[in-house]
Amino acid sequence: FIMNNSEAKAMILGEEFLDVVAPVM
């Protein structure tokens, strides 16, 4: 929701968040 609502064009994330982000990226 935040990614789409903010219209973010890139994401910088810690490797520990791969499991949370990968299913929705």
mmCIF file of all heavy atoms, coordinates in Angstrom:
data_MODEL
# 
_entry.id   MODEL 
# 
loop_
_atom_site.group_PDB 
_atom_site.id 
_atom_site.type_symbol 
_atom_site.label_atom_id 
_atom_site.label_alt_id 
_atom_site.label_comp_id 
_atom_site.label_asym_id 
_atom_site.label_entity_id 
_atom_site.label_seq_id 
_atom_site.pdbx_PDB_ins_code 
_atom_site.Cartn_x 
_atom_site.Cartn_y 
_atom_site.Cartn_z 
_atom_site.occupancy 
_atom_site.B_iso_or_equiv 
_atom_site.pdbx_formal_charge 
_atom_site.auth_seq_id 
_atom_site.auth_comp_id 
_atom_site.auth_asym_id 
_atom_site.auth_atom_id 
_atom_site.pdbx_PDB_model_num 
ATOM 1   N N   . PHE A 1 1  ? 0.830  -1.204  0.000   1.00 0.00 ? 1  PHE A N   1 
ATOM 2   C CA  . PHE A 1 1  ? 0.000  0.000   0.000   1.00 0.00 ? 1  PHE A CA  1 
ATOM 3   C C   . PHE A 1 1  ? 0.865  1.254   0.000   1.00 0.00 ? 1  PHE A C   1 
ATOM 4   O O   . PHE A 1 1  ? 0.660  2.172   -0.796  1.00 0.00 ? 1  PHE A O   1 
ATOM 5   C CB  . PHE A 1 1  ? -0.954 0.022   1.206   1.00 0.00 ? 1  PHE A CB  1 
ATOM 6   C CG  . PHE A 1 1  ? -1.673 1.335   1.333   1.00 0.00 ? 1  PHE A CG  1 
ATOM 7   C CD1 . PHE A 1 1  ? -2.791 1.600   0.547   1.00 0.00 ? 1  PHE A CD1 1 
ATOM 8   C CD2 . PHE A 1 1  ? -1.208 2.332   2.184   1.00 0.00 ? 1  PHE A CD2 1 
ATOM 9   C CE1 . PHE A 1 1  ? -3.432 2.833   0.622   1.00 0.00 ? 1  PHE A CE1 1 
ATOM 10  C CE2 . PHE A 1 1  ? -1.842 3.565   2.267   1.00 0.00 ? 1  PHE A CE2 1 
ATOM 11  C CZ  . PHE A 1 1  ? -2.960 3.807   1.486   1.00 0.00 ? 1  PHE A CZ  1 
ATOM 12  N N   . ILE A 1 2  ? 1.860  1.312   0.892   1.00 0.00 ? 2  ILE A N   1 
ATOM 13  C CA  . ILE A 1 2  ? 2.710  2.500   0.999   1.00 0.00 ? 2  ILE A CA  1 
ATOM 14  C C   . ILE A 1 2  ? 3.507  2.707   -0.286  1.00 0.00 ? 2  ILE A C   1 
ATOM 15  O O   . ILE A 1 2  ? 3.621  3.831   -0.779  1.00 0.00 ? 2  ILE A O   1 
ATOM 16  C CB  . ILE A 1 2  ? 3.633  2.400   2.227   1.00 0.00 ? 2  ILE A CB  1 
ATOM 17  C CG1 . ILE A 1 2  ? 2.785  2.567   3.501   1.00 0.00 ? 2  ILE A CG1 1 
ATOM 18  C CG2 . ILE A 1 2  ? 4.752  3.436   2.175   1.00 0.00 ? 2  ILE A CG2 1 
ATOM 19  C CD1 . ILE A 1 2  ? 3.534  2.298   4.787   1.00 0.00 ? 2  ILE A CD1 1 
ATOM 20  N N   . MET A 1 3  ? 4.034  1.628   -0.846  1.00 0.00 ? 3  MET A N   1 
ATOM 21  C CA  . MET A 1 3  ? 4.804  1.742   -2.089  1.00 0.00 ? 3  MET A CA  1 
ATOM 22  C C   . MET A 1 3  ? 3.947  2.316   -3.217  1.00 0.00 ? 3  MET A C   1 
ATOM 23  O O   . MET A 1 3  ? 4.388  3.203   -3.945  1.00 0.00 ? 3  MET A O   1 
ATOM 24  C CB  . MET A 1 3  ? 5.372  0.379   -2.496  1.00 0.00 ? 3  MET A CB  1 
ATOM 25  C CG  . MET A 1 3  ? 6.450  -0.148  -1.571  1.00 0.00 ? 3  MET A CG  1 
ATOM 26  S SD  . MET A 1 3  ? 7.934  0.871   -1.546  1.00 0.00 ? 3  MET A SD  1 
ATOM 27  C CE  . MET A 1 3  ? 8.560  0.604   -3.202  1.00 0.00 ? 3  MET A CE  1 
ATOM 28  N N   . ASN A 1 4  ? 2.739  1.817   -3.359  1.00 0.00 ? 4  ASN A N   1 
ATOM 29  C CA  . ASN A 1 4  ? 1.879  2.283   -4.447  1.00 0.00 ? 4  ASN A CA  1 
ATOM 30  C C   . ASN A 1 4  ? 1.291  3.659   -4.171  1.00 0.00 ? 4  ASN A C   1 
ATOM 31  O O   . ASN A 1 4  ? 1.225  4.507   -5.062  1.00 0.00 ? 4  ASN A O   1 
ATOM 32  C CB  . ASN A 1 4  ? 0.776  1.264   -4.721  1.00 0.00 ? 4  ASN A CB  1 
ATOM 33  C CG  . ASN A 1 4  ? 1.332  -0.007  -5.317  1.00 0.00 ? 4  ASN A CG  1 
ATOM 34  O OD1 . ASN A 1 4  ? 2.400  -0.009  -5.937  1.00 0.00 ? 4  ASN A OD1 1 
ATOM 35  N ND2 . ASN A 1 4  ? 0.645  -1.114  -5.110  1.00 0.00 ? 4  ASN A ND2 1 
ATOM 36  N N   . ASN A 1 5  ? 0.887  3.902   -2.939  1.00 0.00 ? 5  ASN A N   1 
ATOM 37  C CA  . ASN A 1 5  ? 0.304  5.190   -2.594  1.00 0.00 ? 5  ASN A CA  1 
ATOM 38  C C   . ASN A 1 5  ? 1.323  6.312   -2.711  1.00 0.00 ? 5  ASN A C   1 
ATOM 39  O O   . ASN A 1 5  ? 1.001  7.409   -3.167  1.00 0.00 ? 5  ASN A O   1 
ATOM 40  C CB  . ASN A 1 5  ? -0.276 5.130   -1.178  1.00 0.00 ? 5  ASN A CB  1 
ATOM 41  C CG  . ASN A 1 5  ? -0.970 6.409   -0.801  1.00 0.00 ? 5  ASN A CG  1 
ATOM 42  O OD1 . ASN A 1 5  ? -0.382 7.270   -0.153  1.00 0.00 ? 5  ASN A OD1 1 
ATOM 43  N ND2 . ASN A 1 5  ? -2.218 6.546   -1.220  1.00 0.00 ? 5  ASN A ND2 1 
ATOM 44  N N   . SER A 1 6  ? 2.559  6.046   -2.329  1.00 0.00 ? 6  SER A N   1 
ATOM 45  C CA  . SER A 1 6  ? 3.606  7.079   -2.394  1.00 0.00 ? 6  SER A CA  1 
ATOM 46  C C   . SER A 1 6  ? 4.192  7.222   -3.791  1.00 0.00 ? 6  SER A C   1 
ATOM 47  O O   . SER A 1 6  ? 4.899  8.173   -4.071  1.00 0.00 ? 6  SER A O   1 
ATOM 48  C CB  . SER A 1 6  ? 4.744  6.736   -1.425  1.00 0.00 ? 6  SER A CB  1 
ATOM 49  O OG  . SER A 1 6  ? 5.466  5.603   -1.879  1.00 0.00 ? 6  SER A OG  1 
ATOM 50  N N   . GLU A 1 7  ? 3.901  6.259   -4.656  1.00 0.00 ? 7  GLU A N   1 
ATOM 51  C CA  . GLU A 1 7  ? 4.460  6.214   -6.013  1.00 0.00 ? 7  GLU A CA  1 
ATOM 52  C C   . GLU A 1 7  ? 5.984  6.137   -5.979  1.00 0.00 ? 7  GLU A C   1 
ATOM 53  O O   . GLU A 1 7  ? 6.674  6.701   -6.836  1.00 0.00 ? 7  GLU A O   1 
ATOM 54  C CB  . GLU A 1 7  ? 3.978  7.409   -6.845  1.00 0.00 ? 7  GLU A CB  1 
ATOM 55  C CG  . GLU A 1 7  ? 2.471  7.436   -7.026  1.00 0.00 ? 7  GLU A CG  1 
ATOM 56  C CD  . GLU A 1 7  ? 1.966  8.606   -7.854  1.00 0.00 ? 7  GLU A CD  1 
ATOM 57  O OE1 . GLU A 1 7  ? 2.796  9.396   -8.372  1.00 0.00 ? 7  GLU A OE1 1 
ATOM 58  O OE2 . GLU A 1 7  ? 0.736  8.720   -7.989  1.00 0.00 ? 7  GLU A OE2 1 
ATOM 59  N N   . ALA A 1 8  ? 6.511  5.403   -4.993  1.00 0.00 ? 8  ALA A N   1 
ATOM 60  C CA  . ALA A 1 8  ? 7.957  5.214   -4.874  1.00 0.00 ? 8  ALA A CA  1 
ATOM 61  C C   . ALA A 1 8  ? 8.484  4.508   -6.116  1.00 0.00 ? 8  ALA A C   1 
ATOM 62  O O   . ALA A 1 8  ? 7.900  3.531   -6.582  1.00 0.00 ? 8  ALA A O   1 
ATOM 63  C CB  . ALA A 1 8  ? 8.281  4.403   -3.626  1.00 0.00 ? 8  ALA A CB  1 
ATOM 64  N N   . LYS A 1 9  ? 9.603  5.006   -6.638  1.00 0.00 ? 9  LYS A N   1 
ATOM 65  C CA  . LYS A 1 9  ? 10.200 4.445   -7.850  1.00 0.00 ? 9  LYS A CA  1 
ATOM 66  C C   . LYS A 1 9  ? 11.354 3.498   -7.550  1.00 0.00 ? 9  LYS A C   1 
ATOM 67  O O   . LYS A 1 9  ? 11.878 2.857   -8.459  1.00 0.00 ? 9  LYS A O   1 
ATOM 68  C CB  . LYS A 1 9  ? 10.672 5.566   -8.770  1.00 0.00 ? 9  LYS A CB  1 
ATOM 69  C CG  . LYS A 1 9  ? 9.516  6.349   -9.345  1.00 0.00 ? 9  LYS A CG  1 
ATOM 70  C CD  . LYS A 1 9  ? 9.979  7.306   -10.406 1.00 0.00 ? 9  LYS A CD  1 
ATOM 71  C CE  . LYS A 1 9  ? 8.777  8.013   -11.019 1.00 0.00 ? 9  LYS A CE  1 
ATOM 72  N NZ  . LYS A 1 9  ? 9.181  8.936   -12.064 1.00 0.00 ? 9  LYS A NZ  1 
ATOM 73  N N   . ALA A 1 10 ? 11.762 3.440   -6.297  1.00 0.00 ? 10 ALA A N   1 
ATOM 74  C CA  . ALA A 1 10 ? 12.856 2.545   -5.895  1.00 0.00 ? 10 ALA A CA  1 
ATOM 75  C C   . ALA A 1 10 ? 12.658 2.180   -4.438  1.00 0.00 ? 10 ALA A C   1 
ATOM 76  O O   . ALA A 1 10 ? 11.901 2.842   -3.718  1.00 0.00 ? 10 ALA A O   1 
ATOM 77  C CB  . ALA A 1 10 ? 14.207 3.227   -6.100  1.00 0.00 ? 10 ALA A CB  1 
ATOM 78  N N   . MET A 1 11 ? 13.346 1.120   -4.020  1.00 0.00 ? 11 MET A N   1 
ATOM 79  C CA  . MET A 1 11 ? 13.294 0.706   -2.625  1.00 0.00 ? 11 MET A CA  1 
ATOM 80  C C   . MET A 1 11 ? 14.676 0.277   -2.182  1.00 0.00 ? 11 MET A C   1 
ATOM 81  O O   . MET A 1 11 ? 15.343 -0.507  -2.862  1.00 0.00 ? 11 MET A O   1 
ATOM 82  C CB  . MET A 1 11 ? 12.304 -0.447  -2.424  1.00 0.00 ? 11 MET A CB  1 
ATOM 83  C CG  . MET A 1 11 ? 12.265 -0.973  -0.991  1.00 0.00 ? 11 MET A CG  1 
ATOM 84  S SD  . MET A 1 11 ? 11.079 -2.306  -0.773  1.00 0.00 ? 11 MET A SD  1 
ATOM 85  C CE  . MET A 1 11 ? 9.997  -1.543  0.432   1.00 0.00 ? 11 MET A CE  1 
ATOM 86  N N   . ILE A 1 12 ? 15.096 0.796   -1.036  1.00 0.00 ? 12 ILE A N   1 
ATOM 87  C CA  . ILE A 1 12 ? 16.346 0.384   -0.402  1.00 0.00 ? 12 ILE A CA  1 
ATOM 88  C C   . ILE A 1 12 ? 15.942 -0.382  0.844   1.00 0.00 ? 12 ILE A C   1 
ATOM 89  O O   . ILE A 1 12 ? 15.226 0.149   1.699   1.00 0.00 ? 12 ILE A O   1 
ATOM 90  C CB  . ILE A 1 12 ? 17.215 1.600   -0.044  1.00 0.00 ? 12 ILE A CB  1 
ATOM 91  C CG1 . ILE A 1 12 ? 17.561 2.377   -1.317  1.00 0.00 ? 12 ILE A CG1 1 
ATOM 92  C CG2 . ILE A 1 12 ? 18.466 1.164   0.696   1.00 0.00 ? 12 ILE A CG2 1 
ATOM 93  C CD1 . ILE A 1 12 ? 18.258 3.694   -1.082  1.00 0.00 ? 12 ILE A CD1 1 
ATOM 94  N N   . LEU A 1 13 ? 16.365 -1.636  0.935   1.00 0.00 ? 13 LEU A N   1 
ATOM 95  C CA  . LEU A 1 13 ? 15.941 -2.457  2.058   1.00 0.00 ? 13 LEU A CA  1 
ATOM 96  C C   . LEU A 1 13 ? 17.075 -3.312  2.589   1.00 0.00 ? 13 LEU A C   1 
ATOM 97  O O   . LEU A 1 13 ? 18.004 -3.660  1.857   1.00 0.00 ? 13 LEU A O   1 
ATOM 98  C CB  . LEU A 1 13 ? 14.761 -3.354  1.669   1.00 0.00 ? 13 LEU A CB  1 
ATOM 99  C CG  . LEU A 1 13 ? 14.985 -4.430  0.624   1.00 0.00 ? 13 LEU A CG  1 
ATOM 100 C CD1 . LEU A 1 13 ? 14.062 -5.605  0.889   1.00 0.00 ? 13 LEU A CD1 1 
ATOM 101 C CD2 . LEU A 1 13 ? 14.712 -3.885  -0.769  1.00 0.00 ? 13 LEU A CD2 1 
ATOM 102 N N   . GLY A 1 14 ? 16.962 -3.630  3.867   1.00 0.00 ? 14 GLY A N   1 
ATOM 103 C CA  . GLY A 1 14 ? 17.912 -4.540  4.481   1.00 0.00 ? 14 GLY A CA  1 
ATOM 104 C C   . GLY A 1 14 ? 17.627 -5.958  4.047   1.00 0.00 ? 14 GLY A C   1 
ATOM 105 O O   . GLY A 1 14 ? 16.468 -6.319  3.802   1.00 0.00 ? 14 GLY A O   1 
ATOM 106 N N   . GLU A 1 15 ? 18.669 -6.763  3.955   1.00 0.00 ? 15 GLU A N   1 
ATOM 107 C CA  . GLU A 1 15 ? 18.506 -8.144  3.512   1.00 0.00 ? 15 GLU A CA  1 
ATOM 108 C C   . GLU A 1 15 ? 17.534 -8.922  4.393   1.00 0.00 ? 15 GLU A C   1 
ATOM 109 O O   . GLU A 1 15 ? 16.886 -9.866  3.920   1.00 0.00 ? 15 GLU A O   1 
ATOM 110 C CB  . GLU A 1 15 ? 19.858 -8.854  3.462   1.00 0.00 ? 15 GLU A CB  1 
ATOM 111 C CG  . GLU A 1 15 ? 20.519 -9.030  4.817   1.00 0.00 ? 15 GLU A CG  1 
ATOM 112 C CD  . GLU A 1 15 ? 21.911 -9.635  4.726   1.00 0.00 ? 15 GLU A CD  1 
ATOM 113 O OE1 . GLU A 1 15 ? 22.245 -10.270 3.721   1.00 0.00 ? 15 GLU A OE1 1 
ATOM 114 O OE2 . GLU A 1 15 ? 22.666 -9.444  5.690   1.00 0.00 ? 15 GLU A OE2 1 
ATOM 115 N N   . GLU A 1 16 ? 17.391 -8.527  5.650   1.00 0.00 ? 16 GLU A N   1 
ATOM 116 C CA  . GLU A 1 16 ? 16.493 -9.226  6.567   1.00 0.00 ? 16 GLU A CA  1 
ATOM 117 C C   . GLU A 1 16 ? 15.018 -9.057  6.202   1.00 0.00 ? 16 GLU A C   1 
ATOM 118 O O   . GLU A 1 16 ? 14.161 -9.756  6.735   1.00 0.00 ? 16 GLU A O   1 
ATOM 119 C CB  . GLU A 1 16 ? 16.757 -8.788  8.013   1.00 0.00 ? 16 GLU A CB  1 
ATOM 120 C CG  . GLU A 1 16 ? 16.436 -7.344  8.326   1.00 0.00 ? 16 GLU A CG  1 
ATOM 121 C CD  . GLU A 1 16 ? 17.587 -6.363  8.072   1.00 0.00 ? 16 GLU A CD  1 
ATOM 122 O OE1 . GLU A 1 16 ? 18.470 -6.638  7.232   1.00 0.00 ? 16 GLU A OE1 1 
ATOM 123 O OE2 . GLU A 1 16 ? 17.595 -5.308  8.705   1.00 0.00 ? 16 GLU A OE2 1 
ATOM 124 N N   . PHE A 1 17 ? 14.707 -8.143  5.279   1.00 0.00 ? 17 PHE A N   1 
ATOM 125 C CA  . PHE A 1 17 ? 13.319 -7.907  4.877   1.00 0.00 ? 17 PHE A CA  1 
ATOM 126 C C   . PHE A 1 17 ? 12.952 -8.579  3.551   1.00 0.00 ? 17 PHE A C   1 
ATOM 127 O O   . PHE A 1 17 ? 11.844 -8.399  3.056   1.00 0.00 ? 17 PHE A O   1 
ATOM 128 C CB  . PHE A 1 17 ? 13.049 -6.402  4.805   1.00 0.00 ? 17 PHE A CB  1 
ATOM 129 C CG  . PHE A 1 17 ? 13.274 -5.717  6.114   1.00 0.00 ? 17 PHE A CG  1 
ATOM 130 C CD1 . PHE A 1 17 ? 14.333 -4.840  6.274   1.00 0.00 ? 17 PHE A CD1 1 
ATOM 131 C CD2 . PHE A 1 17 ? 12.453 -5.965  7.197   1.00 0.00 ? 17 PHE A CD2 1 
ATOM 132 C CE1 . PHE A 1 17 ? 14.570 -4.220  7.486   1.00 0.00 ? 17 PHE A CE1 1 
ATOM 133 C CE2 . PHE A 1 17 ? 12.673 -5.350  8.417   1.00 0.00 ? 17 PHE A CE2 1 
ATOM 134 C CZ  . PHE A 1 17 ? 13.735 -4.472  8.563   1.00 0.00 ? 17 PHE A CZ  1 
ATOM 135 N N   . LEU A 1 18 ? 13.857 -9.342  2.986   1.00 0.00 ? 18 LEU A N   1 
ATOM 136 C CA  . LEU A 1 18 ? 13.579 -10.014 1.710   1.00 0.00 ? 18 LEU A CA  1 
ATOM 137 C C   . LEU A 1 18 ? 12.345 -10.902 1.785   1.00 0.00 ? 18 LEU A C   1 
ATOM 138 O O   . LEU A 1 18 ? 11.530 -10.917 0.866   1.00 0.00 ? 18 LEU A O   1 
ATOM 139 C CB  . LEU A 1 18 ? 14.788 -10.831 1.262   1.00 0.00 ? 18 LEU A CB  1 
ATOM 140 C CG  . LEU A 1 18 ? 15.930 -10.041 0.645   1.00 0.00 ? 18 LEU A CG  1 
ATOM 141 C CD1 . LEU A 1 18 ? 17.165 -10.913 0.494   1.00 0.00 ? 18 LEU A CD1 1 
ATOM 142 C CD2 . LEU A 1 18 ? 15.513 -9.447  -0.678  1.00 0.00 ? 18 LEU A CD2 1 
ATOM 143 N N   . ASP A 1 19 ? 12.189 -11.638 2.864   1.00 0.00 ? 19 ASP A N   1 
ATOM 144 C CA  . ASP A 1 19 ? 11.048 -12.552 2.992   1.00 0.00 ? 19 ASP A CA  1 
ATOM 145 C C   . ASP A 1 19 ? 9.714  -11.820 3.032   1.00 0.00 ? 19 ASP A C   1 
ATOM 146 O O   . ASP A 1 19 ? 8.698  -12.353 2.608   1.00 0.00 ? 19 ASP A O   1 
ATOM 147 C CB  . ASP A 1 19 ? 11.195 -13.417 4.249   1.00 0.00 ? 19 ASP A CB  1 
ATOM 148 C CG  . ASP A 1 19 ? 12.338 -14.415 4.151   1.00 0.00 ? 19 ASP A CG  1 
ATOM 149 O OD1 . ASP A 1 19 ? 12.816 -14.686 3.024   1.00 0.00 ? 19 ASP A OD1 1 
ATOM 150 O OD2 . ASP A 1 19 ? 12.764 -14.933 5.208   1.00 0.00 ? 19 ASP A OD2 1 
ATOM 151 N N   . VAL A 1 20 ? 9.688  -10.592 3.526   1.00 0.00 ? 20 VAL A N   1 
ATOM 152 C CA  . VAL A 1 20 ? 8.453  -9.806  3.601   1.00 0.00 ? 20 VAL A CA  1 
ATOM 153 C C   . VAL A 1 20 ? 8.165  -9.122  2.263   1.00 0.00 ? 20 VAL A C   1 
ATOM 154 O O   . VAL A 1 20 ? 7.020  -9.068  1.819   1.00 0.00 ? 20 VAL A O   1 
ATOM 155 C CB  . VAL A 1 20 ? 8.543  -8.750  4.727   1.00 0.00 ? 20 VAL A CB  1 
ATOM 156 C CG1 . VAL A 1 20 ? 7.321  -7.864  4.755   1.00 0.00 ? 20 VAL A CG1 1 
ATOM 157 C CG2 . VAL A 1 20 ? 8.739  -9.414  6.071   1.00 0.00 ? 20 VAL A CG2 1 
ATOM 158 N N   . VAL A 1 21 ? 9.222  -8.609  1.616   1.00 0.00 ? 21 VAL A N   1 
ATOM 159 C CA  . VAL A 1 21 ? 9.046  -7.826  0.390   1.00 0.00 ? 21 VAL A CA  1 
ATOM 160 C C   . VAL A 1 21 ? 8.884  -8.704  -0.854  1.00 0.00 ? 21 VAL A C   1 
ATOM 161 O O   . VAL A 1 21 ? 8.070  -8.400  -1.727  1.00 0.00 ? 21 VAL A O   1 
ATOM 162 C CB  . VAL A 1 21 ? 10.226 -6.837  0.218   1.00 0.00 ? 21 VAL A CB  1 
ATOM 163 C CG1 . VAL A 1 21 ? 10.187 -6.160  -1.148  1.00 0.00 ? 21 VAL A CG1 1 
ATOM 164 C CG2 . VAL A 1 21 ? 10.201 -5.798  1.331   1.00 0.00 ? 21 VAL A CG2 1 
ATOM 165 N N   . ALA A 1 22 ? 9.637  -9.789  -0.944  1.00 0.00 ? 22 ALA A N   1 
ATOM 166 C CA  . ALA A 1 22 ? 9.634  -10.619 -2.164  1.00 0.00 ? 22 ALA A CA  1 
ATOM 167 C C   . ALA A 1 22 ? 8.232  -11.047 -2.615  1.00 0.00 ? 22 ALA A C   1 
ATOM 168 O O   . ALA A 1 22 ? 7.931  -10.955 -3.813  1.00 0.00 ? 22 ALA A O   1 
ATOM 169 C CB  . ALA A 1 22 ? 10.544 -11.832 -1.988  1.00 0.00 ? 22 ALA A CB  1 
ATOM 170 N N   . PRO A 1 23 ? 7.336  -11.483 -1.723  1.00 0.00 ? 23 PRO A N   1 
ATOM 171 C CA  . PRO A 1 23 ? 6.006  -11.906 -2.189  1.00 0.00 ? 23 PRO A CA  1 
ATOM 172 C C   . PRO A 1 23 ? 5.145  -10.791 -2.782  1.00 0.00 ? 23 PRO A C   1 
ATOM 173 O O   . PRO A 1 23 ? 4.213  -11.067 -3.526  1.00 0.00 ? 23 PRO A O   1 
ATOM 174 C CB  . PRO A 1 23 ? 5.344  -12.474 -0.924  1.00 0.00 ? 23 PRO A CB  1 
ATOM 175 C CG  . PRO A 1 23 ? 6.459  -12.798 -0.002  1.00 0.00 ? 23 PRO A CG  1 
ATOM 176 C CD  . PRO A 1 23 ? 7.527  -11.781 -0.296  1.00 0.00 ? 23 PRO A CD  1 
ATOM 177 N N   . VAL A 1 24 ? 5.437  -9.526  -2.458  1.00 0.00 ? 24 VAL A N   1 
ATOM 178 C CA  . VAL A 1 24 ? 4.587  -8.431  -2.942  1.00 0.00 ? 24 VAL A CA  1 
ATOM 179 C C   . VAL A 1 24 ? 5.299  -7.475  -3.897  1.00 0.00 ? 24 VAL A C   1 
ATOM 180 O O   . VAL A 1 24 ? 4.667  -6.575  -4.455  1.00 0.00 ? 24 VAL A O   1 
ATOM 181 C CB  . VAL A 1 24 ? 3.984  -7.627  -1.760  1.00 0.00 ? 24 VAL A CB  1 
ATOM 182 C CG1 . VAL A 1 24 ? 3.018  -8.479  -0.958  1.00 0.00 ? 24 VAL A CG1 1 
ATOM 183 C CG2 . VAL A 1 24 ? 5.066  -7.035  -0.876  1.00 0.00 ? 24 VAL A CG2 1 
ATOM 184 N N   . MET A 1 25 ? 6.581  -7.663  -4.111  1.00 0.00 ? 25 MET A N   1 
ATOM 185 C CA  . MET A 1 25 ? 7.334  -6.676  -4.901  1.00 0.00 ? 25 MET A CA  1 
ATOM 186 C C   . MET A 1 25 ? 6.846  -6.532  -6.333  1.00 0.00 ? 25 MET A C   1 
ATOM 187 O O   . MET A 1 25 ? 6.945  -5.451  -6.902  1.00 0.00 ? 25 MET A O   1 
ATOM 188 C CB  . MET A 1 25 ? 8.835  -6.963  -4.863  1.00 0.00 ? 25 MET A CB  1 
ATOM 189 C CG  . MET A 1 25 ? 9.235  -8.265  -5.475  1.00 0.00 ? 25 MET A CG  1 
ATOM 190 S SD  . MET A 1 25 ? 10.985 -8.627  -5.240  1.00 0.00 ? 25 MET A SD  1 
ATOM 191 C CE  . MET A 1 25 ? 11.669 -7.841  -6.688  1.00 0.00 ? 25 MET A CE  1 
# 
